[in-house]
Amino acid sequence: MKIETTASGKVFLSGEYMALEGGRAVTLSTPQSAKISISKINESNNLFLSSMSNRVYPFRIDENMSLIWLDEDPKHFGSILKESIKQFDKGFSGRSISIDSSDFFYQQRKIGIGSSSAVSVAITKALNRLFDCGLTSQAIINHAREIHNRAQDSRGSGFDIITSFLEGRSFACRLVDGTYDYQQIVLPEAIKIFVVINDEYVETSGMIDRYNNAKSEHMDYFSKHAPKMKEQLEHLYSSILNKDSESILQNLRGYNELLVDMDNVFNLGIFNNHHELIKLSKDEDVFYKPSGSGGGDIGLLISNDESKLEKVCKKIESDGIHIFEI
């Protein structure tokens, strides 16, 4: 029997960095998805295939449930498979496992919309079916987060895992005393959001390390500023529940201004490589913001005025920058 699973990508609409401090973030799933396929093969060993490479990587699982590569180590997604087997603590043989992450690449460059978290979720779902574990939804999320954290040395909020697992467009997530609190929320139809693929890629883990170091250096500032940021996120959450488009945009801008202030003090570089896009969008009265840890990679165009948004999109695309709607 062939097993096939998928999991979507994600972006942060708001709540960057405060997601690590108990703030309520809003995340969005993307049209892109990671696809996992597990099939039986007539071999004693197993085979691993990835869309990132044209090669086939044979492997076996030893008596300690450790994955042993029999030839070259595929790295990256291979490490996610290795941690997945360790997490489930179960072995198998005569299987072919393929990972298709081609949706997460544009012009042979990875887009920062959570490919690793999507693969971690999809492979957790696939192994749950292969081993007939009957994991609950929360257990799948927990397994996938453990796998992702170990494989990618991740120190993020885990909201990318939740968003990749859940079905829906938008979610409100927060981490309170080690427990996840999340729910699907519905943005007004008038709010249109486009993802802009910037030309810089920044490792999230590096940005989080800089953020944590800056917190230690500016403790007094942060103790006063962080509550303001989290309060602004609660205002945004309320405006979404009230389906108030104007208030949503106002609160998104409010959080962004507080993020700019923190970035200026912490010198993180969140808005690096976004300044031209911010100015272009502002000139057309469209809100633009970096998404996630910032520093480049992706940004969001957000508006309730389709004509203004369309005008900005055409200008940006004329410069050879890729855009897609979520």
Protein backbone atom coordinates (compact mmCIF):
# COMPACT_ATOMS: atom_id res chain seq x y z
CA MET A 1 0.00 0.00 0.00
CA LYS A 2 1.32 3.41 -0.97
CA ILE A 3 1.15 6.12 1.69
CA GLU A 4 0.92 9.75 0.61
CA THR A 5 0.74 12.79 2.89
CA THR A 6 1.06 16.57 2.50
CA ALA A 7 1.59 19.64 4.70
CA SER A 8 1.42 23.32 3.78
CA GLY A 9 3.93 26.13 4.14
CA LYS A 10 3.37 29.13 6.41
CA VAL A 11 4.02 32.83 6.86
CA PHE A 12 3.60 35.14 9.85
CA LEU A 13 0.97 37.82 9.36
CA SER A 14 1.95 39.33 12.71
CA GLY A 15 3.53 38.45 16.03
CA GLU A 16 7.14 37.96 14.98
CA TYR A 17 9.46 37.64 17.98
CA MET A 18 6.66 38.15 20.52
CA ALA A 19 5.57 34.62 19.62
CA LEU A 20 8.59 33.58 21.70
CA GLU A 21 7.35 35.65 24.66
CA GLY A 22 3.78 34.37 24.98
CA GLY A 23 2.35 36.85 22.49
CA ARG A 24 -0.55 35.86 20.24
CA ALA A 25 0.74 35.52 16.68
CA VAL A 26 -1.34 35.26 13.52
CA THR A 27 -0.06 32.80 10.92
CA LEU A 28 -1.24 32.00 7.42
CA SER A 29 -0.93 28.78 5.45
CA THR A 30 0.39 29.01 1.89
CA PRO A 31 -0.68 27.23 -1.32
CA GLN A 32 2.69 25.47 -1.42
CA SER A 33 2.96 22.07 0.24
CA ALA A 34 5.49 19.34 1.00
CA LYS A 35 4.57 15.87 -0.24
CA ILE A 36 5.71 12.56 1.25
CA SER A 37 5.30 9.18 -0.42
CA ILE A 38 6.16 5.77 1.08
CA SER A 39 6.06 2.65 -1.14
CA LYS A 40 7.13 -0.99 -0.90
CA ILE A 41 10.16 -2.06 -2.95
CA ASN A 42 11.72 -5.46 -3.66
CA GLU A 43 14.95 -4.76 -1.77
CA SER A 44 16.21 -5.56 1.71
CA ASN A 45 17.35 -1.99 2.30
CA ASN A 46 15.40 1.24 1.98
CA LEU A 47 15.69 4.10 -0.51
CA PHE A 48 15.38 7.82 0.08
CA LEU A 49 14.57 10.24 -2.73
CA SER A 50 14.29 14.03 -2.58
CA SER A 51 13.25 16.61 -5.15
CA MET A 52 16.31 18.60 -4.00
CA SER A 53 18.61 16.01 -5.61
CA ASN A 54 18.55 13.67 -8.60
CA ARG A 55 20.22 10.94 -6.55
CA VAL A 56 18.81 7.94 -4.71
CA TYR A 57 20.15 7.39 -1.18
CA PRO A 58 20.04 3.81 0.17
CA PHE A 59 19.76 3.35 3.93
CA ARG A 60 18.97 0.80 6.60
CA ILE A 61 17.79 0.99 10.18
CA ASP A 62 19.92 -0.80 12.77
CA GLU A 63 18.86 -2.59 15.95
CA ASN A 64 19.01 0.71 17.88
CA MET A 65 16.50 2.27 15.48
CA SER A 66 19.19 4.55 14.05
CA LEU A 67 19.22 5.38 10.35
CA ILE A 68 22.45 4.34 8.62
CA TRP A 69 23.20 5.83 5.21
CA LEU A 70 24.80 3.16 3.00
CA ASP A 71 26.29 5.64 0.58
CA GLU A 72 26.29 9.43 0.68
CA ASP A 73 24.45 11.38 3.39
CA PRO A 74 21.78 13.57 1.73
CA LYS A 75 21.92 16.12 4.59
CA HIS A 76 19.02 18.57 5.13
CA PHE A 77 15.79 16.59 4.57
CA GLY A 78 17.77 13.42 5.19
CA SER A 79 18.34 14.67 8.73
CA ILE A 80 14.57 15.15 9.15
CA LEU A 81 13.99 11.52 8.09
CA LYS A 82 16.72 10.38 10.50
CA GLU A 83 15.17 12.26 13.42
CA SER A 84 11.71 11.02 12.45
CA ILE A 85 12.77 7.38 12.74
CA LYS A 86 14.44 8.15 16.08
CA GLN A 87 11.25 9.85 17.30
CA PHE A 88 9.00 6.90 16.42
CA ASP A 89 11.61 4.38 17.59
CA LYS A 90 10.45 1.83 15.01
CA GLY A 91 12.27 0.21 12.11
CA PHE A 92 11.33 -0.97 8.62
CA SER A 93 12.93 -2.37 5.47
CA GLY A 94 12.05 -2.65 1.79
CA ARG A 95 10.56 0.83 1.59
CA SER A 96 11.05 3.81 -0.67
CA ILE A 97 10.51 7.23 0.91
CA SER A 98 10.33 10.31 -1.29
CA ILE A 99 10.10 13.97 -0.33
CA ASP A 100 8.84 16.49 -2.85
CA SER A 101 9.53 20.04 -1.70
CA SER A 102 9.65 21.59 -5.18
CA ASP A 103 6.79 23.96 -4.30
CA PHE A 104 9.14 25.74 -1.89
CA PHE A 105 11.62 26.78 -4.56
CA TYR A 106 11.50 29.65 -7.02
CA GLN A 107 14.15 29.82 -9.73
CA GLN A 108 16.17 27.17 -7.86
CA ARG A 109 16.19 29.27 -4.68
CA LYS A 110 14.40 28.19 -1.52
CA ILE A 111 11.54 30.43 -0.40
CA GLY A 112 11.38 31.07 3.35
CA ILE A 113 7.85 29.80 3.93
CA GLY A 114 8.56 26.87 6.22
CA SER A 115 9.63 23.99 3.98
CA SER A 116 11.41 22.16 6.82
CA SER A 117 8.42 22.40 9.15
CA ALA A 118 6.09 21.24 6.36
CA VAL A 119 8.33 18.24 5.64
CA SER A 120 8.51 17.44 9.38
CA VAL A 121 4.71 17.44 9.63
CA ALA A 122 4.16 15.46 6.41
CA ILE A 123 6.69 12.77 7.33
CA THR A 124 5.22 12.49 10.84
CA LYS A 125 1.79 11.93 9.32
CA ALA A 126 3.22 9.34 6.91
CA LEU A 127 5.08 7.34 9.57
CA ASN A 128 2.04 7.49 11.84
CA ARG A 129 0.13 5.68 9.10
CA LEU A 130 3.00 3.29 8.25
CA PHE A 131 3.35 2.16 11.87
CA ASP A 132 -0.40 2.41 12.55
CA CYS A 133 0.29 4.42 15.71
CA GLY A 134 -3.06 6.21 15.86
CA LEU A 135 -1.51 9.44 17.13
CA THR A 136 -3.86 12.24 18.10
CA SER A 137 -3.61 15.60 16.34
CA GLN A 138 -1.75 17.08 19.31
CA ALA A 139 0.65 14.13 19.41
CA ILE A 140 1.41 14.58 15.70
CA ILE A 141 2.14 18.26 16.31
CA ASN A 142 4.39 17.39 19.27
CA HIS A 143 6.23 14.67 17.33
CA ALA A 144 6.75 16.96 14.34
CA ARG A 145 8.05 19.78 16.51
CA GLU A 146 10.55 17.49 18.25
CA ILE A 147 11.72 16.20 14.87
CA HIS A 148 12.02 19.69 13.41
CA ASN A 149 13.81 21.11 16.45
CA ARG A 150 16.47 18.40 16.46
CA ALA A 151 16.97 18.20 12.70
CA GLN A 152 17.14 21.96 12.13
CA ASP A 153 18.49 23.05 15.52
CA SER A 154 15.33 25.15 15.71
CA ARG A 155 14.57 27.48 18.60
CA GLY A 156 11.41 28.98 17.16
CA SER A 157 7.89 29.14 18.52
CA GLY A 158 6.64 25.96 16.85
CA PHE A 159 3.76 27.88 15.25
CA ASP A 160 5.09 26.88 11.83
CA ILE A 161 4.45 23.23 12.75
CA ILE A 162 0.92 24.00 13.93
CA THR A 163 0.10 25.97 10.78
CA SER A 164 1.53 23.25 8.52
CA PHE A 165 -0.56 20.60 10.25
CA LEU A 166 -3.91 22.36 10.55
CA GLU A 167 -6.24 22.80 7.59
CA GLY A 168 -7.36 26.36 6.99
CA ARG A 169 -6.11 29.76 5.90
CA SER A 170 -5.34 31.65 9.11
CA PHE A 171 -4.65 30.85 12.75
CA ALA A 172 -4.13 32.63 16.06
CA CYS A 173 -1.42 30.91 18.10
CA ARG A 174 0.30 31.49 21.40
CA LEU A 175 2.42 29.51 23.83
CA VAL A 176 1.38 29.89 27.46
CA ASP A 177 3.36 28.12 30.22
CA GLY A 178 4.59 25.53 27.73
CA THR A 179 1.11 24.79 26.36
CA TYR A 180 -0.05 25.69 22.87
CA ASP A 181 -3.25 27.70 22.52
CA TYR A 182 -4.35 27.91 18.91
CA GLN A 183 -7.51 28.32 16.88
CA GLN A 184 -8.55 28.87 13.31
CA ILE A 185 -9.63 32.44 12.64
CA VAL A 186 -11.25 33.99 9.57
CA LEU A 187 -9.93 37.16 8.00
CA PRO A 188 -12.49 39.38 6.23
CA GLU A 189 -12.72 38.69 2.50
CA ALA A 190 -11.85 42.34 1.88
CA ILE A 191 -8.34 41.79 3.28
CA LYS A 192 -6.07 40.67 0.43
CA ILE A 193 -2.55 39.42 1.11
CA PHE A 194 0.30 38.82 -1.32
CA VAL A 195 3.67 37.27 -0.52
CA VAL A 196 6.67 39.03 -2.07
CA ILE A 197 9.75 36.89 -2.69
CA ASN A 198 12.76 39.04 -1.88
CA ASP A 199 16.27 38.21 -3.13
CA GLU A 200 17.91 37.58 0.24
CA TYR A 201 17.77 34.49 2.44
CA VAL A 202 18.41 34.71 6.18
CA GLU A 203 18.60 31.80 8.65
CA THR A 204 15.89 32.16 11.29
CA SER A 205 18.07 30.57 13.98
CA GLY A 206 20.73 33.26 13.52
CA MET A 207 18.17 36.04 13.83
CA ILE A 208 16.71 34.49 17.00
CA ASP A 209 20.20 34.20 18.52
CA ARG A 210 20.79 37.91 17.86
CA TYR A 211 17.39 38.72 19.35
CA ASN A 212 18.08 36.74 22.54
CA ASN A 213 21.49 38.38 22.94
CA ALA A 214 19.96 41.84 22.47
CA LYS A 215 17.29 41.09 25.08
CA SER A 216 20.03 40.43 27.62
CA GLU A 217 21.80 43.66 26.71
CA HIS A 218 18.66 45.81 26.84
CA MET A 219 16.66 44.22 29.65
CA ASP A 220 15.14 47.44 30.97
CA TYR A 221 13.97 48.55 27.51
CA PHE A 222 12.58 45.11 26.68
CA SER A 223 10.69 44.75 29.97
CA LYS A 224 8.75 47.90 29.06
CA HIS A 225 8.46 47.43 25.31
CA ALA A 226 7.43 43.76 25.06
CA PRO A 227 4.12 44.25 26.95
CA LYS A 228 3.20 47.02 24.49
CA MET A 229 3.86 44.69 21.58
CA LYS A 230 1.83 41.86 23.09
CA GLU A 231 -1.04 44.23 23.88
CA GLN A 232 -1.03 45.39 20.25
CA LEU A 233 -1.31 41.76 19.15
CA GLU A 234 -4.38 41.32 21.35
CA HIS A 235 -5.95 44.39 19.70
CA LEU A 236 -5.24 42.81 16.30
CA TYR A 237 -6.79 39.53 17.43
CA SER A 238 -9.95 41.35 18.59
CA SER A 239 -10.24 43.26 15.34
CA ILE A 240 -10.01 39.98 13.38
CA LEU A 241 -12.74 38.41 15.51
CA ASN A 242 -14.85 41.52 14.89
CA LYS A 243 -14.10 41.29 11.13
CA ASP A 244 -13.15 44.98 11.12
CA SER A 245 -10.89 45.44 8.07
CA GLU A 246 -9.82 48.99 8.87
CA SER A 247 -9.02 48.10 12.47
CA ILE A 248 -7.03 45.04 11.31
CA LEU A 249 -4.87 47.21 9.06
CA GLN A 250 -4.46 49.83 11.80
CA ASN A 251 -3.33 47.23 14.33
CA LEU A 252 -0.98 45.55 11.84
CA ARG A 253 0.66 48.92 11.28
CA GLY A 254 0.76 49.53 15.03
CA TYR A 255 2.60 46.28 15.72
CA ASN A 256 4.95 46.94 12.83
CA GLU A 257 5.87 50.37 14.27
CA LEU A 258 6.66 48.76 17.61
CA LEU A 259 8.76 46.15 15.80
CA VAL A 260 10.67 48.94 14.01
CA ASP A 261 11.39 50.56 17.37
CA MET A 262 12.69 47.29 18.83
CA ASP A 263 14.76 46.65 15.71
CA ASN A 264 16.38 50.08 16.00
CA VAL A 265 17.36 49.41 19.62
CA PHE A 266 18.38 45.76 19.13
CA ASN A 267 20.04 46.34 15.74
CA LEU A 268 18.71 43.01 14.42
CA GLY A 269 18.31 44.05 10.79
CA ILE A 270 14.70 42.85 10.53
CA PHE A 271 13.91 45.44 7.87
CA ASN A 272 17.14 45.06 5.91
CA ASN A 273 16.53 44.50 2.17
CA HIS A 274 12.90 45.64 2.56
CA HIS A 275 13.26 49.42 2.50
CA GLU A 276 12.63 49.92 -1.23
CA LEU A 277 9.52 47.74 -1.14
CA ILE A 278 8.25 49.55 1.97
CA LYS A 279 8.64 52.93 0.23
CA LEU A 280 7.08 51.78 -3.04
CA SER A 281 4.06 50.33 -1.21
CA LYS A 282 3.67 53.33 1.09
CA ASP A 283 3.62 55.68 -1.92
CA GLU A 284 0.56 53.77 -3.17
CA ASP A 285 -1.08 53.61 0.28
CA VAL A 286 -0.55 49.86 0.61
CA PHE A 287 0.88 48.30 3.79
CA TYR A 288 4.04 46.22 3.40
CA LYS A 289 5.91 44.34 6.12
CA PRO A 290 8.64 41.72 6.44
CA SER A 291 7.34 38.30 7.50
CA GLY A 292 8.97 36.00 10.02
CA SER A 293 12.41 36.78 11.43
CA GLY A 294 13.05 39.38 8.71
CA GLY A 295 16.36 40.43 7.21
CA GLY A 296 15.21 39.74 3.67
CA ASP A 297 13.59 36.76 1.96
CA ILE A 298 9.85 37.42 2.09
CA GLY A 299 7.46 40.27 2.81
CA LEU A 300 3.71 40.76 2.75
CA LEU A 301 1.55 43.25 0.86
CA ILE A 302 -1.72 43.76 2.75
CA SER A 303 -4.69 45.93 1.78
CA ASN A 304 -8.47 46.09 1.58
CA ASP A 305 -8.27 48.11 -1.65
CA GLU A 306 -7.82 45.76 -4.61
CA SER A 307 -7.09 48.50 -7.13
CA LYS A 308 -4.24 49.96 -5.05
CA LEU A 309 -2.90 46.49 -4.36
CA GLU A 310 -3.01 45.54 -8.03
CA LYS A 311 -1.10 48.70 -8.95
CA VAL A 312 1.67 47.94 -6.44
CA CYS A 313 1.87 44.30 -7.53
CA LYS A 314 2.34 45.30 -11.17
CA LYS A 315 5.15 47.70 -10.25
CA ILE A 316 6.93 45.09 -8.15
CA GLU A 317 6.54 42.35 -10.76
CA SER A 318 7.87 44.71 -13.45
CA ASP A 319 11.14 44.69 -11.49
CA GLY A 320 11.31 40.89 -11.84
CA ILE A 321 10.18 40.15 -8.27
CA HIS A 322 7.90 37.13 -7.80
CA ILE A 323 4.56 37.55 -5.98
CA PHE A 324 1.79 35.12 -5.08
CA GLU A 325 -1.50 35.50 -3.22
CA ILE A 326 -2.45 33.66 -0.05
